[in-house]
């Protein structure tokens, strides 16, 4: 997925974590952000893993799994963030 800086800024502005940030700050974040595609079943983060980035979901759904539970305990979708 290829997004230009303006499109990334719109995605970030729609995410609740970033909604109250100044436009200039959103612009800086958008310039450094990159879009990634994850395949079904691919792992984004693990429990207790030290975060060095955040993921904003643009499309699709992400299941939240916990050790010892076979099914997702929660689902996240467009506009949600994790990490």
Protein backbone atom coordinates (compact mmCIF):
# COMPACT_ATOMS: atom_id res chain seq x y z
CA UNK A 1 0.00 0.00 0.00
CA UNK A 2 1.46 3.34 -1.04
CA UNK A 3 0.31 6.50 0.75
CA UNK A 4 1.60 10.00 0.23
CA UNK A 5 2.24 12.31 3.20
CA UNK A 6 -1.13 14.07 2.88
CA UNK A 7 -2.97 10.74 2.92
CA UNK A 8 -0.95 9.55 5.95
CA UNK A 9 -1.80 12.81 7.74
CA UNK A 10 -5.53 12.18 7.14
CA UNK A 11 -5.22 8.62 8.47
CA UNK A 12 -3.42 9.84 11.61
CA UNK A 13 -5.94 12.65 12.16
CA UNK A 14 -8.78 10.09 12.13
CA UNK A 15 -7.09 7.96 14.80
CA UNK A 16 -8.29 8.81 18.32
CA UNK A 17 -4.74 8.72 19.73
CA UNK A 18 -3.62 11.52 17.40
CA UNK A 19 -6.86 13.54 17.00
CA UNK A 20 -5.87 16.36 19.36
CA UNK A 21 -2.40 16.92 17.94
CA UNK A 22 -1.53 20.18 16.21
CA UNK A 23 -1.57 20.05 12.40
CA UNK A 24 2.20 20.72 12.26
CA UNK A 25 2.91 17.78 14.58
CA UNK A 26 0.63 15.52 12.53
CA UNK A 27 2.51 16.61 9.43
CA UNK A 28 5.85 15.63 11.01
CA UNK A 29 4.47 12.25 12.03
CA UNK A 30 3.05 11.68 8.56
CA UNK A 31 6.41 12.44 6.95
CA UNK A 32 8.12 9.71 8.98
CA UNK A 33 5.25 7.18 8.93
CA UNK A 34 5.30 4.25 6.56
CA UNK A 35 2.52 2.03 5.32
CA UNK A 36 2.88 -1.72 5.75
CA UNK A 37 0.71 -4.60 4.67
CA UNK A 38 0.26 -7.58 6.99
CA UNK A 39 -1.06 -10.92 5.84
CA UNK A 40 -3.75 -12.87 7.72
CA UNK A 41 -2.21 -14.56 10.75
CA UNK A 42 0.86 -12.34 10.78
CA UNK A 43 1.93 -11.08 14.23
CA UNK A 44 2.12 -7.31 14.91
CA UNK A 45 3.22 -7.24 18.55
CA UNK A 46 3.56 -9.66 21.44
CA UNK A 47 2.55 -9.36 25.09
CA UNK A 48 5.28 -7.64 27.15
CA UNK A 49 7.20 -6.71 24.00
CA UNK A 50 8.82 -3.28 24.25
CA UNK A 51 7.13 -1.02 21.69
CA UNK A 52 9.23 1.05 19.33
CA UNK A 53 6.39 2.05 17.01
CA UNK A 54 2.62 2.28 16.75
CA UNK A 55 0.33 0.73 14.16
CA UNK A 56 -2.78 2.49 12.87
CA UNK A 57 -5.19 0.15 11.16
CA UNK A 58 -6.32 1.52 7.80
CA UNK A 59 -8.34 -1.42 6.53
CA UNK A 60 -9.19 -4.93 7.63
CA UNK A 61 -9.39 -6.31 11.15
CA UNK A 62 -6.82 -7.23 13.75
CA UNK A 63 -7.53 -9.87 16.36
CA UNK A 64 -6.14 -9.47 19.87
CA UNK A 65 -4.84 -12.78 21.15
CA UNK A 66 -3.63 -13.65 24.64
CA UNK A 67 -1.56 -16.66 25.65
CA UNK A 68 -3.66 -19.69 26.52
CA UNK A 69 -6.78 -18.48 24.66
CA UNK A 70 -7.44 -19.88 21.19
CA UNK A 71 -9.82 -17.20 19.94
CA UNK A 72 -9.29 -13.41 19.80
CA UNK A 73 -10.54 -11.59 22.89
CA UNK A 74 -11.10 -8.39 20.90
CA UNK A 75 -11.05 -7.16 17.31
CA UNK A 76 -9.72 -3.83 16.08
CA UNK A 77 -10.41 -2.13 12.78
CA UNK A 78 -9.87 1.04 10.75
CA UNK A 79 -8.92 4.02 12.92
CA UNK A 80 -7.78 1.87 15.85
CA UNK A 81 -4.16 1.86 16.95
CA UNK A 82 -1.88 -0.59 18.73
CA UNK A 83 1.74 -0.60 19.83
